[in-house]
Amino acid sequence: MASDLDRLTTEELRDRAVALARHRWDVRFFWRLLTYLPAAEAGAGRLEASDATVAQASGLFHEALASEDDPQVQEALRPLYIDYLSNYEEGEAAG
């Protein structure tokens, strides 16, 4: 399954992971996505965005939605999408 996922574009991975998480009402996935976002942004060279604090959590959520259009941020989040789909998508297909 993971090798099949490796062949997908990052956009396809994101779309599938988000759709599956929405279908499963998987708030933990979305929380993980938000917690990984500062590191992904730093990896994409957006250091100012990586300094998020707990007090800025609501701002981070808004920023996370805006970051969906940044290909470099999405590329940095690619491993999260693959991990999530590898662990849960196969079980959904069987169930």
PDB file of N, CA and C in Angstrom:
ATOM      1  N   MET A   1       0.823  -1.194   0.000  1.00  0.00           N
ATOM      2  CA  MET A   1       0.000   0.000   0.000  1.00  0.00           C
ATOM      3  C   MET A   1       0.868   1.259   0.000  1.00  0.00           C
ATOM      4  N   ALA A   2       1.912   1.297   0.821  1.00  0.00           N
ATOM      5  CA  ALA A   2       2.751   2.498   0.899  1.00  0.00           C
ATOM      6  C   ALA A   2       3.416   2.795  -0.437  1.00  0.00           C
ATOM      7  N   SER A   3       3.857   1.762  -1.153  1.00  0.00           N
ATOM      8  CA  SER A   3       4.499   2.015  -2.445  1.00  0.00           C
ATOM      9  C   SER A   3       3.495   2.575  -3.450  1.00  0.00           C
ATOM     10  N   ASP A   4       2.237   2.147  -3.371  1.00  0.00           N
ATOM     11  CA  ASP A   4       1.204   2.716  -4.231  1.00  0.00           C
ATOM     12  C   ASP A   4       0.990   4.192  -3.892  1.00  0.00           C
ATOM     13  N   LEU A   5       1.022   4.501  -2.609  1.00  0.00           N
ATOM     14  CA  LEU A   5       0.834   5.885  -2.185  1.00  0.00           C
ATOM     15  C   LEU A   5       2.006   6.751  -2.615  1.00  0.00           C
ATOM     16  N   ASP A   6       3.206   6.191  -2.628  1.00  0.00           N
ATOM     17  CA  ASP A   6       4.387   6.948  -3.044  1.00  0.00           C
ATOM     18  C   ASP A   6       4.262   7.446  -4.479  1.00  0.00           C
ATOM     19  N   ARG A   7       3.481   6.765  -5.278  1.00  0.00           N
ATOM     20  CA  ARG A   7       3.332   7.142  -6.690  1.00  0.00           C
ATOM     21  C   ARG A   7       2.385   8.323  -6.888  1.00  0.00           C
ATOM     22  N   LEU A   8       1.591   8.650  -5.861  1.00  0.00           N
ATOM     23  CA  LEU A   8       0.635   9.749  -5.972  1.00  0.00           C
ATOM     24  C   LEU A   8       1.326  11.093  -5.788  1.00  0.00           C
ATOM     25  N   THR A   9       0.727  12.126  -6.354  1.00  0.00           N
ATOM     26  CA  THR A   9       1.242  13.481  -6.122  1.00  0.00           C
ATOM     27  C   THR A   9       0.922  13.869  -4.685  1.00  0.00           C
ATOM     28  N   THR A  10       1.617  14.868  -4.187  1.00  0.00           N
ATOM     29  CA  THR A  10       1.354  15.345  -2.830  1.00  0.00           C
ATOM     30  C   THR A  10      -0.071  15.878  -2.719  1.00  0.00           C
ATOM     31  N   GLU A  11      -0.544  16.543  -3.757  1.00  0.00           N
ATOM     32  CA  GLU A  11      -1.918  17.048  -3.739  1.00  0.00           C
ATOM     33  C   GLU A  11      -2.924  15.905  -3.642  1.00  0.00           C
ATOM     34  N   GLU A  12      -2.682  14.826  -4.386  1.00  0.00           N
ATOM     35  CA  GLU A  12      -3.574  13.664  -4.312  1.00  0.00           C
ATOM     36  C   GLU A  12      -3.540  13.050  -2.916  1.00  0.00           C
ATOM     37  N   LEU A  13      -2.333  12.945  -2.337  1.00  0.00           N
ATOM     38  CA  LEU A  13      -2.212  12.402  -0.981  1.00  0.00           C
ATOM     39  C   LEU A  13      -2.982  13.260   0.017  1.00  0.00           C
ATOM     40  N   ARG A  14      -2.784  14.583  -0.065  1.00  0.00           N
ATOM     41  CA  ARG A  14      -3.490  15.492   0.844  1.00  0.00           C
ATOM     42  C   ARG A  14      -4.993  15.329   0.697  1.00  0.00           C
ATOM     43  N   ASP A  15      -5.483  15.335  -0.535  1.00  0.00           N
ATOM     44  CA  ASP A  15      -6.923  15.236  -0.765  1.00  0.00           C
ATOM     45  C   ASP A  15      -7.486  13.930  -0.208  1.00  0.00           C
ATOM     46  N   ARG A  16      -6.772  12.836  -0.436  1.00  0.00           N
ATOM     47  CA  ARG A  16      -7.253  11.540   0.057  1.00  0.00           C
ATOM     48  C   ARG A  16      -7.202  11.461   1.579  1.00  0.00           C
ATOM     49  N   ALA A  17      -6.105  11.953   2.172  1.00  0.00           N
ATOM     50  CA  ALA A  17      -5.973  11.908   3.629  1.00  0.00           C
ATOM     51  C   ALA A  17      -7.038  12.773   4.299  1.00  0.00           C
ATOM     52  N   VAL A  18      -7.242  13.972   3.778  1.00  0.00           N
ATOM     53  CA  VAL A  18      -8.240  14.870   4.364  1.00  0.00           C
ATOM     54  C   VAL A  18      -9.652  14.300   4.177  1.00  0.00           C
ATOM     55  N   ALA A  19      -9.944  13.764   3.006  1.00  0.00           N
ATOM     56  CA  ALA A  19     -11.268  13.173   2.773  1.00  0.00           C
ATOM     57  C   ALA A  19     -11.513  11.987   3.703  1.00  0.00           C
ATOM     58  N   LEU A  20     -10.496  11.152   3.876  1.00  0.00           N
ATOM     59  CA  LEU A  20     -10.643   9.997   4.770  1.00  0.00           C
ATOM     60  C   LEU A  20     -10.835  10.461   6.209  1.00  0.00           C
ATOM     61  N   ALA A  21     -10.060  11.447   6.639  1.00  0.00           N
ATOM     62  CA  ALA A  21     -10.202  11.954   8.007  1.00  0.00           C
ATOM     63  C   ALA A  21     -11.578  12.584   8.220  1.00  0.00           C
ATOM     64  N   ARG A  22     -12.068  13.285   7.228  1.00  0.00           N
ATOM     65  CA  ARG A  22     -13.418  13.854   7.341  1.00  0.00           C
ATOM     66  C   ARG A  22     -14.449  12.745   7.438  1.00  0.00           C
ATOM     67  N   HIS A  23     -14.305  11.731   6.601  1.00  0.00           N
ATOM     68  CA  HIS A  23     -15.232  10.594   6.612  1.00  0.00           C
ATOM     69  C   HIS A  23     -15.226   9.900   7.970  1.00  0.00           C
ATOM     70  N   ARG A  24     -14.038   9.763   8.559  1.00  0.00           N
ATOM     71  CA  ARG A  24     -13.893   9.078   9.844  1.00  0.00           C
ATOM     72  C   ARG A  24     -14.133  10.008  11.029  1.00  0.00           C
ATOM     73  N   TRP A  25     -14.360  11.304  10.781  1.00  0.00           N
ATOM     74  CA  TRP A  25     -14.454  12.311  11.837  1.00  0.00           C
ATOM     75  C   TRP A  25     -13.223  12.230  12.731  1.00  0.00           C
ATOM     76  N   ASP A  26     -12.074  12.140  12.099  1.00  0.00           N
ATOM     77  CA  ASP A  26     -10.808  11.901  12.788  1.00  0.00           C
ATOM     78  C   ASP A  26     -10.138  13.227  13.175  1.00  0.00           C
ATOM     79  N   VAL A  27     -10.562  13.766  14.291  1.00  0.00           N
ATOM     80  CA  VAL A  27     -10.027  15.035  14.773  1.00  0.00           C
ATOM     81  C   VAL A  27      -8.539  14.902  15.092  1.00  0.00           C
ATOM     82  N   ARG A  28      -8.108  13.729  15.542  1.00  0.00           N
ATOM     83  CA  ARG A  28      -6.674  13.534  15.850  1.00  0.00           C
ATOM     84  C   ARG A  28      -5.803  13.754  14.624  1.00  0.00           C
ATOM     85  N   PHE A  29      -6.247  13.313  13.455  1.00  0.00           N
ATOM     86  CA  PHE A  29      -5.467  13.563  12.241  1.00  0.00           C
ATOM     87  C   PHE A  29      -5.323  15.065  12.001  1.00  0.00           C
ATOM     88  N   PHE A  30      -6.429  15.783  12.097  1.00  0.00           N
ATOM     89  CA  PHE A  30      -6.363  17.223  11.865  1.00  0.00           C
ATOM     90  C   PHE A  30      -5.504  17.913  12.925  1.00  0.00           C
ATOM     91  N   TRP A  31      -5.565  17.430  14.158  1.00  0.00           N
ATOM     92  CA  TRP A  31      -4.711  17.990  15.205  1.00  0.00           C
ATOM     93  C   TRP A  31      -3.238  17.722  14.883  1.00  0.00           C
ATOM     94  N   ARG A  32      -2.929  16.493  14.450  1.00  0.00           N
ATOM     95  CA  ARG A  32      -1.548  16.167  14.059  1.00  0.00           C
ATOM     96  C   ARG A  32      -1.098  17.061  12.913  1.00  0.00           C
ATOM     97  N   LEU A  33      -1.974  17.268  11.960  1.00  0.00           N
ATOM     98  CA  LEU A  33      -1.653  18.135  10.830  1.00  0.00           C
ATOM     99  C   LEU A  33      -1.295  19.539  11.329  1.00  0.00           C
ATOM    100  N   LEU A  34      -2.078  20.046  12.267  1.00  0.00           N
ATOM    101  CA  LEU A  34      -1.800  21.372  12.824  1.00  0.00           C
ATOM    102  C   LEU A  34      -0.498  21.394  13.617  1.00  0.00           C
ATOM    103  N   THR A  35      -0.198  20.317  14.330  1.00  0.00           N
ATOM    104  CA  THR A  35       1.038  20.309  15.113  1.00  0.00           C
ATOM    105  C   THR A  35       2.265  20.143  14.235  1.00  0.00           C
ATOM    106  N   TYR A  36       2.121  19.504  13.088  1.00  0.00           N
ATOM    107  CA  TYR A  36       3.250  19.344  12.162  1.00  0.00           C
ATOM    108  C   TYR A  36       3.473  20.591  11.304  1.00  0.00           C
ATOM    109  N   LEU A  37       2.462  21.412  11.192  1.00  0.00           N
ATOM    110  CA  LEU A  37       2.526  22.543  10.277  1.00  0.00           C
ATOM    111  C   LEU A  37       3.691  23.500  10.538  1.00  0.00           C
ATOM    112  N   PRO A  38       3.974  23.892  11.786  1.00  0.00           N
ATOM    113  CA  PRO A  38       5.106  24.802  11.985  1.00  0.00           C
ATOM    114  C   PRO A  38       6.438  24.231  11.474  1.00  0.00           C
ATOM    115  N   ALA A  39       6.682  22.951  11.700  1.00  0.00           N
ATOM    116  CA  ALA A  39       7.916  22.341  11.206  1.00  0.00           C
ATOM    117  C   ALA A  39       7.919  22.275   9.680  1.00  0.00           C
ATOM    118  N   ALA A  40       6.768  21.993   9.085  1.00  0.00           N
ATOM    119  CA  ALA A  40       6.680  21.949   7.625  1.00  0.00           C
ATOM    120  C   ALA A  40       6.944  23.330   7.037  1.00  0.00           C
ATOM    121  N   GLU A  41       6.404  24.342   7.687  1.00  0.00           N
ATOM    122  CA  GLU A  41       6.630  25.697   7.203  1.00  0.00           C
ATOM    123  C   GLU A  41       8.093  26.091   7.350  1.00  0.00           C
ATOM    124  N   ALA A  42       8.713  25.715   8.456  1.00  0.00           N
ATOM    125  CA  ALA A  42      10.142  26.005   8.640  1.00  0.00           C
ATOM    126  C   ALA A  42      10.957  25.289   7.571  1.00  0.00           C
ATOM    127  N   GLY A  43      10.607  24.043   7.274  1.00  0.00           N
ATOM    128  CA  GLY A  43      11.295  23.291   6.238  1.00  0.00           C
ATOM    129  C   GLY A  43      11.122  23.895   4.857  1.00  0.00           C
ATOM    130  N   ALA A  44      10.013  24.617   4.678  1.00  0.00           N
ATOM    131  CA  ALA A  44       9.748  25.277   3.399  1.00  0.00           C
ATOM    132  C   ALA A  44      10.323  26.690   3.368  1.00  0.00           C
ATOM    133  N   GLY A  45      11.074  27.056   4.438  1.00  0.00           N
ATOM    134  CA  GLY A  45      11.700  28.360   4.470  1.00  0.00           C
ATOM    135  C   GLY A  45      10.832  29.473   5.033  1.00  0.00           C
ATOM    136  N   ARG A  46       9.707  29.120   5.600  1.00  0.00           N
ATOM    137  CA  ARG A  46       8.808  30.120   6.183  1.00  0.00           C
ATOM    138  C   ARG A  46       9.031  30.150   7.695  1.00  0.00           C
ATOM    139  N   LEU A  47      10.228  30.549   8.107  1.00  0.00           N
ATOM    140  CA  LEU A  47      10.628  30.499   9.510  1.00  0.00           C
ATOM    141  C   LEU A  47       9.737  31.329  10.422  1.00  0.00           C
ATOM    142  N   GLU A  48       9.272  32.466   9.929  1.00  0.00           N
ATOM    143  CA  GLU A  48       8.424  33.308  10.768  1.00  0.00           C
ATOM    144  C   GLU A  48       7.145  32.585  11.178  1.00  0.00           C
ATOM    145  N   ALA A  49       6.659  31.688  10.358  1.00  0.00           N
ATOM    146  CA  ALA A  49       5.432  30.950  10.655  1.00  0.00           C
ATOM    147  C   ALA A  49       5.679  29.792  11.609  1.00  0.00           C
ATOM    148  N   SER A  50       6.936  29.380  11.759  1.00  0.00           N
ATOM    149  CA  SER A  50       7.228  28.218  12.598  1.00  0.00           C
ATOM    150  C   SER A  50       7.305  28.560  14.075  1.00  0.00           C
ATOM    151  N   ASP A  51       7.211  29.832  14.432  1.00  0.00           N
ATOM    152  CA  ASP A  51       7.302  30.267  15.823  1.00  0.00           C
ATOM    153  C   ASP A  51       5.949  30.300  16.533  1.00  0.00           C
ATOM    154  N   ALA A  52       5.014  29.474  16.097  1.00  0.00           N
ATOM    155  CA  ALA A  52       3.683  29.471  16.697  1.00  0.00           C
ATOM    156  C   ALA A  52       3.746  29.027  18.155  1.00  0.00           C
ATOM    157  N   THR A  53       2.901  29.641  18.988  1.00  0.00           N
ATOM    158  CA  THR A  53       2.810  29.275  20.396  1.00  0.00           C
ATOM    159  C   THR A  53       1.400  28.810  20.698  1.00  0.00           C
ATOM    160  N   VAL A  54       1.207  28.268  21.901  1.00  0.00           N
ATOM    161  CA  VAL A  54      -0.123  27.818  22.301  1.00  0.00           C
ATOM    162  C   VAL A  54      -1.107  28.985  22.287  1.00  0.00           C
ATOM    163  N   ALA A  55      -0.649  30.157  22.671  1.00  0.00           N
ATOM    164  CA  ALA A  55      -1.526  31.339  22.682  1.00  0.00           C
ATOM    165  C   ALA A  55      -1.989  31.713  21.285  1.00  0.00           C
ATOM    166  N   GLN A  56      -1.266  31.252  20.253  1.00  0.00           N
ATOM    167  CA  GLN A  56      -1.616  31.579  18.874  1.00  0.00           C
ATOM    168  C   GLN A  56      -2.343  30.433  18.179  1.00  0.00           C
ATOM    169  N   ALA A  57      -2.886  29.485  18.940  1.00  0.00           N
ATOM    170  CA  ALA A  57      -3.487  28.292  18.347  1.00  0.00           C
ATOM    171  C   ALA A  57      -4.610  28.627  17.370  1.00  0.00           C
ATOM    172  N   SER A  58      -5.463  29.570  17.717  1.00  0.00           N
ATOM    173  CA  SER A  58      -6.554  29.905  16.799  1.00  0.00           C
ATOM    174  C   SER A  58      -6.002  30.524  15.517  1.00  0.00           C
ATOM    175  N   GLY A  59      -4.953  31.341  15.648  1.00  0.00           N
ATOM    176  CA  GLY A  59      -4.315  31.904  14.463  1.00  0.00           C
ATOM    177  C   GLY A  59      -3.643  30.836  13.631  1.00  0.00           C
ATOM    178  N   LEU A  60      -3.060  29.849  14.287  1.00  0.00           N
ATOM    179  CA  LEU A  60      -2.411  28.742  13.580  1.00  0.00           C
ATOM    180  C   LEU A  60      -3.425  27.965  12.745  1.00  0.00           C
ATOM    181  N   PHE A  61      -4.608  27.752  13.304  1.00  0.00           N
ATOM    182  CA  PHE A  61      -5.636  27.033  12.554  1.00  0.00           C
ATOM    183  C   PHE A  61      -5.992  27.791  11.281  1.00  0.00           C
ATOM    184  N   HIS A  62      -6.186  29.092  11.413  1.00  0.00           N
ATOM    185  CA  HIS A  62      -6.492  29.911  10.246  1.00  0.00           C
ATOM    186  C   HIS A  62      -5.337  29.875   9.246  1.00  0.00           C
ATOM    187  N   GLU A  63      -4.118  29.974   9.745  1.00  0.00           N
ATOM    188  CA  GLU A  63      -2.934  29.946   8.883  1.00  0.00           C
ATOM    189  C   GLU A  63      -2.789  28.586   8.197  1.00  0.00           C
ATOM    190  N   ALA A  64      -3.145  27.522   8.906  1.00  0.00           N
ATOM    191  CA  ALA A  64      -3.048  26.178   8.328  1.00  0.00           C
ATOM    192  C   ALA A  64      -3.927  26.058   7.094  1.00  0.00           C
ATOM    193  N   LEU A  65      -5.107  26.611   7.169  1.00  0.00           N
ATOM    194  CA  LEU A  65      -5.995  26.553   6.015  1.00  0.00           C
ATOM    195  C   LEU A  65      -5.433  27.362   4.857  1.00  0.00           C
ATOM    196  N   ALA A  66      -4.804  28.479   5.148  1.00  0.00           N
ATOM    197  CA  ALA A  66      -4.208  29.312   4.105  1.00  0.00           C
ATOM    198  C   ALA A  66      -2.975  28.639   3.508  1.00  0.00           C
ATOM    199  N   SER A  67      -2.258  27.839   4.289  1.00  0.00           N
ATOM    200  CA  SER A  67      -1.036  27.189   3.822  1.00  0.00           C
ATOM    201  C   SER A  67      -1.306  26.050   2.850  1.00  0.00           C
ATOM    202  N   GLU A  68      -2.564  25.640   2.735  1.00  0.00           N
ATOM    203  CA  GLU A  68      -2.872  24.539   1.833  1.00  0.00           C
ATOM    204  C   GLU A  68      -2.464  24.831   0.398  1.00  0.00           C
ATOM    205  N   ASP A  69      -2.354  26.090   0.048  1.00  0.00           N
ATOM    206  CA  ASP A  69      -2.011  26.450  -1.328  1.00  0.00           C
ATOM    207  C   ASP A  69      -0.504  26.546  -1.565  1.00  0.00           C
ATOM    208  N   ASP A  70       0.317  26.399  -0.531  1.00  0.00           N
ATOM    209  CA  ASP A  70       1.767  26.506  -0.673  1.00  0.00           C
ATOM    210  C   ASP A  70       2.343  25.131  -0.988  1.00  0.00           C
ATOM    211  N   PRO A  71       2.808  24.909  -2.213  1.00  0.00           N
ATOM    212  CA  PRO A  71       3.312  23.584  -2.599  1.00  0.00           C
ATOM    213  C   PRO A  71       4.487  23.106  -1.741  1.00  0.00           C
ATOM    214  N   GLN A  72       5.336  24.017  -1.281  1.00  0.00           N
ATOM    215  CA  GLN A  72       6.477  23.606  -0.465  1.00  0.00           C
ATOM    216  C   GLN A  72       6.024  23.112   0.903  1.00  0.00           C
ATOM    217  N   VAL A  73       5.043  23.775   1.482  1.00  0.00           N
ATOM    218  CA  VAL A  73       4.499  23.323   2.766  1.00  0.00           C
ATOM    219  C   VAL A  73       3.840  21.967   2.577  1.00  0.00           C
ATOM    220  N   GLN A  74       3.069  21.817   1.519  1.00  0.00           N
ATOM    221  CA  GLN A  74       2.403  20.543   1.271  1.00  0.00           C
ATOM    222  C   GLN A  74       3.411  19.417   1.048  1.00  0.00           C
ATOM    223  N   GLU A  75       4.484  19.701   0.340  1.00  0.00           N
ATOM    224  CA  GLU A  75       5.519  18.683   0.114  1.00  0.00           C
ATOM    225  C   GLU A  75       6.122  18.238   1.443  1.00  0.00           C
ATOM    226  N   ALA A  76       6.314  19.182   2.367  1.00  0.00           N
ATOM    227  CA  ALA A  76       6.868  18.845   3.680  1.00  0.00           C
ATOM    228  C   ALA A  76       5.887  18.010   4.505  1.00  0.00           C
ATOM    229  N   LEU A  77       4.591  18.123   4.224  1.00  0.00           N
ATOM    230  CA  LEU A  77       3.576  17.346   4.937  1.00  0.00           C
ATOM    231  C   LEU A  77       3.301  15.992   4.288  1.00  0.00           C
ATOM    232  N   ARG A  78       3.895  15.720   3.143  1.00  0.00           N
ATOM    233  CA  ARG A  78       3.695  14.476   2.395  1.00  0.00           C
ATOM    234  C   ARG A  78       3.839  13.214   3.249  1.00  0.00           C
ATOM    235  N   PRO A  79       4.904  13.099   4.102  1.00  0.00           N
ATOM    236  CA  PRO A  79       5.026  11.885   4.921  1.00  0.00           C
ATOM    237  C   PRO A  79       3.841  11.672   5.866  1.00  0.00           C
ATOM    238  N   LEU A  80       3.251  12.754   6.360  1.00  0.00           N
ATOM    239  CA  LEU A  80       2.086  12.635   7.228  1.00  0.00           C
ATOM    240  C   LEU A  80       0.908  12.039   6.466  1.00  0.00           C
ATOM    241  N   TYR A  81       0.692  12.495   5.239  1.00  0.00           N
ATOM    242  CA  TYR A  81      -0.403  11.959   4.421  1.00  0.00           C
ATOM    243  C   TYR A  81      -0.193  10.473   4.126  1.00  0.00           C
ATOM    244  N   ILE A  82       1.025  10.098   3.760  1.00  0.00           N
ATOM    245  CA  ILE A  82       1.319   8.689   3.455  1.00  0.00           C
ATOM    246  C   ILE A  82       1.113   7.824   4.692  1.00  0.00           C
ATOM    247  N   ASP A  83       1.622   8.269   5.834  1.00  0.00           N
ATOM    248  CA  ASP A  83       1.473   7.507   7.072  1.00  0.00           C
ATOM    249  C   ASP A  83       0.003   7.312   7.415  1.00  0.00           C
ATOM    250  N   TYR A  84      -0.773   8.373   7.323  1.00  0.00           N
ATOM    251  CA  TYR A  84      -2.192   8.292   7.668  1.00  0.00           C
ATOM    252  C   TYR A  84      -2.939   7.356   6.723  1.00  0.00           C
ATOM    253  N   LEU A  85      -2.736   7.529   5.437  1.00  0.00           N
ATOM    254  CA  LEU A  85      -3.426   6.674   4.468  1.00  0.00           C
ATOM    255  C   LEU A  85      -2.985   5.224   4.587  1.00  0.00           C
ATOM    256  N   SER A  86      -1.709   4.995   4.839  1.00  0.00           N
ATOM    257  CA  SER A  86      -1.213   3.619   4.988  1.00  0.00           C
ATOM    258  C   SER A  86      -1.866   2.924   6.178  1.00  0.00           C
ATOM    259  N   ASN A  87      -2.096   3.662   7.241  1.00  0.00           N
ATOM    260  CA  ASN A  87      -2.639   3.075   8.453  1.00  0.00           C
ATOM    261  C   ASN A  87      -4.145   2.913   8.435  1.00  0.00           C
ATOM    262  N   TYR A  88      -4.864   3.762   7.716  1.00  0.00           N
ATOM    263  CA  TYR A  88      -6.322   3.773   7.825  1.00  0.00           C
ATOM    264  C   TYR A  88      -7.088   3.523   6.551  1.00  0.00           C
ATOM    265  N   GLU A  89      -6.557   3.893   5.399  1.00  0.00           N
ATOM    266  CA  GLU A  89      -7.340   3.762   4.175  1.00  0.00           C
ATOM    267  C   GLU A  89      -7.601   2.301   3.834  1.00  0.00           C
ATOM    268  N   GLU A  90      -6.606   1.446   4.012  1.00  0.00           N
ATOM    269  CA  GLU A  90      -6.762   0.032   3.689  1.00  0.00           C
ATOM    270  C   GLU A  90      -7.881  -0.601   4.519  1.00  0.00           C
ATOM    271  N   GLY A  91      -7.964  -0.244   5.799  1.00  0.00           N
ATOM    272  CA  GLY A  91      -9.012  -0.758   6.677  1.00  0.00           C
ATOM    273  C   GLY A  91     -10.391  -0.289   6.264  1.00  0.00           C
ATOM    274  N   GLU A  92     -10.498   0.919   5.749  1.00  0.00           N
ATOM    275  CA  GLU A  92     -11.776   1.441   5.281  1.00  0.00           C
ATOM    276  C   GLU A  92     -12.269   0.677   4.058  1.00  0.00           C
ATOM    277  N   ALA A  93     -11.330   0.337   3.168  1.00  0.00           N
ATOM    278  CA  ALA A  93     -11.698  -0.393   1.948  1.00  0.00           C
ATOM    279  C   ALA A  93     -12.231  -1.778   2.305  1.00  0.00           C
ATOM    280  N   ALA A  94     -11.638  -2.404   3.328  1.00  0.00           N
ATOM    281  CA  ALA A  94     -12.064  -3.741   3.732  1.00  0.00           C
ATOM    282  C   ALA A  94     -13.382  -3.698   4.518  1.00  0.00           C
ATOM    283  N   GLY A  95     -13.599  -2.555   5.214  1.00  0.00           N
ATOM    284  CA  GLY A  95     -14.760  -2.464   6.102  1.00  0.00           C
ATOM    285  C   GLY A  95     -15.918  -1.947   5.376  1.00  0.00           C
TER     286      GLY A  95
END
